Amino acid sequence: MTKTALATTIALVVSVNPCLCPSAYAEGDQVKAVLSEKLPNVPGKSLTAVVVTYAPGGKSLSHHHAGSVFAYVLSGEIRSENSVTGPARVYKAGESFFEPPGSEHLVSENASTTESASLLAVFVADDGAKLTTFGK
């Protein structure tokens, strides 16, 4: 990982890490930065991937993201609602959803109160952007 990519990853962890914003997530939830790279064919943009793990019954507050987000459910079931893409829906492992730029993620939670659930979120956003902002 380059120094720039490492700095972007550190900035990402600071901007979305539940330990640094405990009121934004439920106890036991985790956000882990996986990758951050500048896109050489799209100047000024970076691709960043994080794994979000929700504890049983876990959820995050309403939020919005910089740029576009593709989410892929790795395990369990995630209930998600976006201001642009329609009403709340439960996505199972192997399913995915998209969050367009400028939209608000109204619901993001584990659909189960007994099993954990996780998703891979892939962001395409401006270099150095704060990727997640809670409350709008």
C-alpha atoms as a PDB file:
ATOM      1  CA  MET A   1       0.000   0.000   0.000  1.00  0.00           C
ATOM      2  CA  THR A   2       1.383   3.425  -0.926  1.00  0.00           C
ATOM      3  CA  LYS A   3       1.810   6.201   1.668  1.00  0.00           C
ATOM      4  CA  THR A   4      -1.096   8.068   0.066  1.00  0.00           C
ATOM      5  CA  ALA A   5      -3.309   4.982   0.179  1.00  0.00           C
ATOM      6  CA  LEU A   6      -2.331   4.392   3.812  1.00  0.00           C
ATOM      7  CA  ALA A   7      -3.177   8.005   4.700  1.00  0.00           C
ATOM      8  CA  THR A   8      -6.534   7.659   2.943  1.00  0.00           C
ATOM      9  CA  THR A   9      -7.232   4.413   4.809  1.00  0.00           C
ATOM     10  CA  ILE A  10      -6.395   6.077   8.130  1.00  0.00           C
ATOM     11  CA  ALA A  11      -8.695   8.984   7.244  1.00  0.00           C
ATOM     12  CA  LEU A  12     -11.418   6.484   6.341  1.00  0.00           C
ATOM     13  CA  VAL A  13     -11.096   4.652   9.644  1.00  0.00           C
ATOM     14  CA  VAL A  14     -11.329   7.954  11.509  1.00  0.00           C
ATOM     15  CA  SER A  15     -14.415   8.976   9.499  1.00  0.00           C
ATOM     16  CA  VAL A  16     -16.404   5.738   9.860  1.00  0.00           C
ATOM     17  CA  ASN A  17     -14.935   3.816  12.804  1.00  0.00           C
ATOM     18  CA  PRO A  18     -17.663   3.193  15.407  1.00  0.00           C
ATOM     19  CA  CYS A  19     -15.095   3.383  18.202  1.00  0.00           C
ATOM     20  CA  LEU A  20     -14.555   7.035  17.265  1.00  0.00           C
ATOM     21  CA  CYS A  21     -18.282   7.759  16.934  1.00  0.00           C
ATOM     22  CA  PRO A  22     -19.882   5.383  19.453  1.00  0.00           C
ATOM     23  CA  SER A  23     -23.353   6.876  19.274  1.00  0.00           C
ATOM     24  CA  ALA A  24     -23.564   6.188  15.514  1.00  0.00           C
ATOM     25  CA  TYR A  25     -23.573   2.384  15.835  1.00  0.00           C
ATOM     26  CA  ALA A  26     -24.888  -0.232  18.260  1.00  0.00           C
ATOM     27  CA  GLU A  27     -22.523  -1.830  20.771  1.00  0.00           C
ATOM     28  CA  GLY A  28     -20.493  -4.624  19.164  1.00  0.00           C
ATOM     29  CA  ASP A  29     -20.730  -3.307  15.595  1.00  0.00           C
ATOM     30  CA  GLN A  30     -17.457  -2.940  13.672  1.00  0.00           C
ATOM     31  CA  VAL A  31     -16.171  -1.114  10.597  1.00  0.00           C
ATOM     32  CA  LYS A  32     -12.852  -2.282   9.154  1.00  0.00           C
ATOM     33  CA  ALA A  33     -11.032  -0.597   6.263  1.00  0.00           C
ATOM     34  CA  VAL A  34      -9.946  -3.191   3.710  1.00  0.00           C
ATOM     35  CA  LEU A  35      -8.515  -1.177   0.804  1.00  0.00           C
ATOM     36  CA  SER A  36      -8.100   2.371  -0.436  1.00  0.00           C
ATOM     37  CA  GLU A  37      -6.543   3.219  -3.790  1.00  0.00           C
ATOM     38  CA  LYS A  38      -6.582   6.232  -6.082  1.00  0.00           C
ATOM     39  CA  LEU A  39      -8.129   5.420  -9.452  1.00  0.00           C
ATOM     40  CA  PRO A  40      -5.445   6.147 -12.067  1.00  0.00           C
ATOM     41  CA  ASN A  41      -7.992   6.233 -14.883  1.00  0.00           C
ATOM     42  CA  VAL A  42     -10.322   8.622 -12.993  1.00  0.00           C
ATOM     43  CA  PRO A  43      -8.200  11.539 -11.733  1.00  0.00           C
ATOM     44  CA  GLY A  44      -9.316  12.913  -8.363  1.00  0.00           C
ATOM     45  CA  LYS A  45     -11.283   9.775  -7.393  1.00  0.00           C
ATOM     46  CA  SER A  46     -10.486   6.899  -5.048  1.00  0.00           C
ATOM     47  CA  LEU A  47     -11.958   3.451  -4.513  1.00  0.00           C
ATOM     48  CA  THR A  48     -12.259   2.445  -0.871  1.00  0.00           C
ATOM     49  CA  ALA A  49     -13.603  -0.807   0.556  1.00  0.00           C
ATOM     50  CA  VAL A  50     -14.750  -1.440   4.139  1.00  0.00           C
ATOM     51  CA  VAL A  51     -16.339  -4.395   5.884  1.00  0.00           C
ATOM     52  CA  VAL A  52     -19.206  -3.469   8.202  1.00  0.00           C
ATOM     53  CA  THR A  53     -20.170  -6.107  10.763  1.00  0.00           C
ATOM     54  CA  TYR A  54     -23.381  -5.662  12.696  1.00  0.00           C
ATOM     55  CA  ALA A  55     -23.827  -7.527  15.982  1.00  0.00           C
ATOM     56  CA  PRO A  56     -27.211  -9.192  16.514  1.00  0.00           C
ATOM     57  CA  GLY A  57     -29.761  -6.367  16.503  1.00  0.00           C
ATOM     58  CA  GLY A  58     -27.027  -3.891  15.499  1.00  0.00           C
ATOM     59  CA  LYS A  59     -27.671  -0.804  13.411  1.00  0.00           C
ATOM     60  CA  SER A  60     -26.298   2.587  12.473  1.00  0.00           C
ATOM     61  CA  LEU A  61     -27.918   5.996  12.568  1.00  0.00           C
ATOM     62  CA  SER A  62     -29.197   7.634   9.401  1.00  0.00           C
ATOM     63  CA  HIS A  63     -26.240   8.812   7.304  1.00  0.00           C
ATOM     64  CA  HIS A  64     -25.026   9.746   3.856  1.00  0.00           C
ATOM     65  CA  HIS A  65     -21.883   8.947   1.932  1.00  0.00           C
ATOM     66  CA  ALA A  66     -19.515  10.834  -0.307  1.00  0.00           C
ATOM     67  CA  GLY A  67     -19.745   9.573  -3.891  1.00  0.00           C
ATOM     68  CA  SER A  68     -21.286   6.250  -4.914  1.00  0.00           C
ATOM     69  CA  VAL A  69     -21.510   3.105  -2.791  1.00  0.00           C
ATOM     70  CA  PHE A  70     -21.922  -0.519  -3.845  1.00  0.00           C
ATOM     71  CA  ALA A  71     -22.766  -2.876  -0.959  1.00  0.00           C
ATOM     72  CA  TYR A  72     -22.516  -6.680  -1.037  1.00  0.00           C
ATOM     73  CA  VAL A  73     -23.902  -8.717   1.867  1.00  0.00           C
ATOM     74  CA  LEU A  74     -21.242 -11.187   3.026  1.00  0.00           C
ATOM     75  CA  SER A  75     -23.171 -12.927   5.795  1.00  0.00           C
ATOM     76  CA  GLY A  76     -26.552 -12.840   7.487  1.00  0.00           C
ATOM     77  CA  GLU A  77     -29.273 -10.419   6.453  1.00  0.00           C
ATOM     78  CA  ILE A  78     -29.096  -6.621   6.264  1.00  0.00           C
ATOM     79  CA  ARG A  79     -32.152  -4.355   6.269  1.00  0.00           C
ATOM     80  CA  SER A  80     -31.477  -1.248   4.206  1.00  0.00           C
ATOM     81  CA  GLU A  81     -33.456   1.760   3.045  1.00  0.00           C
ATOM     82  CA  ASN A  82     -32.144   4.548   0.841  1.00  0.00           C
ATOM     83  CA  SER A  83     -33.880   7.871   0.168  1.00  0.00           C
ATOM     84  CA  VAL A  84     -33.543   7.412  -3.605  1.00  0.00           C
ATOM     85  CA  THR A  85     -33.785   3.678  -4.264  1.00  0.00           C
ATOM     86  CA  GLY A  86     -37.023   2.830  -2.464  1.00  0.00           C
ATOM     87  CA  PRO A  87     -38.492   1.388   0.740  1.00  0.00           C
ATOM     88  CA  ALA A  88     -36.676  -0.766   3.298  1.00  0.00           C
ATOM     89  CA  ARG A  89     -35.734  -4.211   2.080  1.00  0.00           C
ATOM     90  CA  VAL A  90     -33.877  -7.157   3.594  1.00  0.00           C
ATOM     91  CA  TYR A  91     -30.810  -8.256   1.608  1.00  0.00           C
ATOM     92  CA  LYS A  92     -29.463 -11.759   2.213  1.00  0.00           C
ATOM     93  CA  ALA A  93     -25.877 -13.021   1.871  1.00  0.00           C
ATOM     94  CA  GLY A  94     -24.915 -12.877  -1.808  1.00  0.00           C
ATOM     95  CA  GLU A  95     -27.239  -9.967  -2.619  1.00  0.00           C
ATOM     96  CA  SER A  96     -26.173  -6.390  -3.249  1.00  0.00           C
ATOM     97  CA  PHE A  97     -27.498  -2.841  -3.400  1.00  0.00           C
ATOM     98  CA  PHE A  98     -26.374   0.571  -4.649  1.00  0.00           C
ATOM     99  CA  GLU A  99     -26.447   3.986  -2.963  1.00  0.00           C
ATOM    100  CA  PRO A 100     -26.375   6.882  -5.440  1.00  0.00           C
ATOM    101  CA  PRO A 101     -24.430  10.074  -4.712  1.00  0.00           C
ATOM    102  CA  GLY A 102     -26.401  12.582  -2.622  1.00  0.00           C
ATOM    103  CA  SER A 103     -28.807   9.983  -1.223  1.00  0.00           C
ATOM    104  CA  GLU A 104     -29.427   9.333   2.458  1.00  0.00           C
ATOM    105  CA  HIS A 105     -29.064   5.868   3.980  1.00  0.00           C
ATOM    106  CA  LEU A 106     -32.165   5.959   6.194  1.00  0.00           C
ATOM    107  CA  VAL A 107     -31.990   2.387   7.547  1.00  0.00           C
ATOM    108  CA  SER A 108     -28.901   0.196   7.852  1.00  0.00           C
ATOM    109  CA  GLU A 109     -29.254  -2.641  10.318  1.00  0.00           C
ATOM    110  CA  ASN A 110     -28.929  -6.316  11.038  1.00  0.00           C
ATOM    111  CA  ALA A 111     -32.282  -7.974  10.305  1.00  0.00           C
ATOM    112  CA  SER A 112     -31.560 -10.610  12.978  1.00  0.00           C
ATOM    113  CA  THR A 113     -31.509 -10.246  16.744  1.00  0.00           C
ATOM    114  CA  THR A 114     -29.647 -13.549  17.195  1.00  0.00           C
ATOM    115  CA  GLU A 115     -27.001 -13.745  14.418  1.00  0.00           C
ATOM    116  CA  SER A 116     -24.378 -11.231  13.246  1.00  0.00           C
ATOM    117  CA  ALA A 117     -24.417  -9.876   9.683  1.00  0.00           C
ATOM    118  CA  SER A 118     -21.737  -8.257   7.523  1.00  0.00           C
ATOM    119  CA  LEU A 119     -21.401  -6.393   4.266  1.00  0.00           C
ATOM    120  CA  LEU A 120     -18.627  -5.152   2.018  1.00  0.00           C
ATOM    121  CA  ALA A 121     -19.113  -1.482   1.091  1.00  0.00           C
ATOM    122  CA  VAL A 122     -17.170  -0.170  -1.907  1.00  0.00           C
ATOM    123  CA  PHE A 123     -17.007   3.622  -2.259  1.00  0.00           C
ATOM    124  CA  VAL A 124     -16.006   5.649  -5.310  1.00  0.00           C
ATOM    125  CA  ALA A 125     -15.523   9.201  -4.076  1.00  0.00           C
ATOM    126  CA  ASP A 126     -13.296  12.251  -4.322  1.00  0.00           C
ATOM    127  CA  ASP A 127      -9.756  11.742  -3.044  1.00  0.00           C
ATOM    128  CA  GLY A 128      -9.625  12.497   0.693  1.00  0.00           C
ATOM    129  CA  ALA A 129     -13.415  12.792   1.085  1.00  0.00           C
ATOM    130  CA  LYS A 130     -15.050  12.031   4.429  1.00  0.00           C
ATOM    131  CA  LEU A 131     -16.880   8.883   3.346  1.00  0.00           C
ATOM    132  CA  THR A 132     -19.628   8.712   5.979  1.00  0.00           C
ATOM    133  CA  THR A 133     -21.472  11.548   7.702  1.00  0.00           C
ATOM    134  CA  PHE A 134     -24.095  10.713  10.311  1.00  0.00           C
ATOM    135  CA  GLY A 135     -27.288  12.766  10.527  1.00  0.00           C
ATOM    136  CA  LYS A 136     -28.201  15.112   7.730  1.00  0.00           C
END
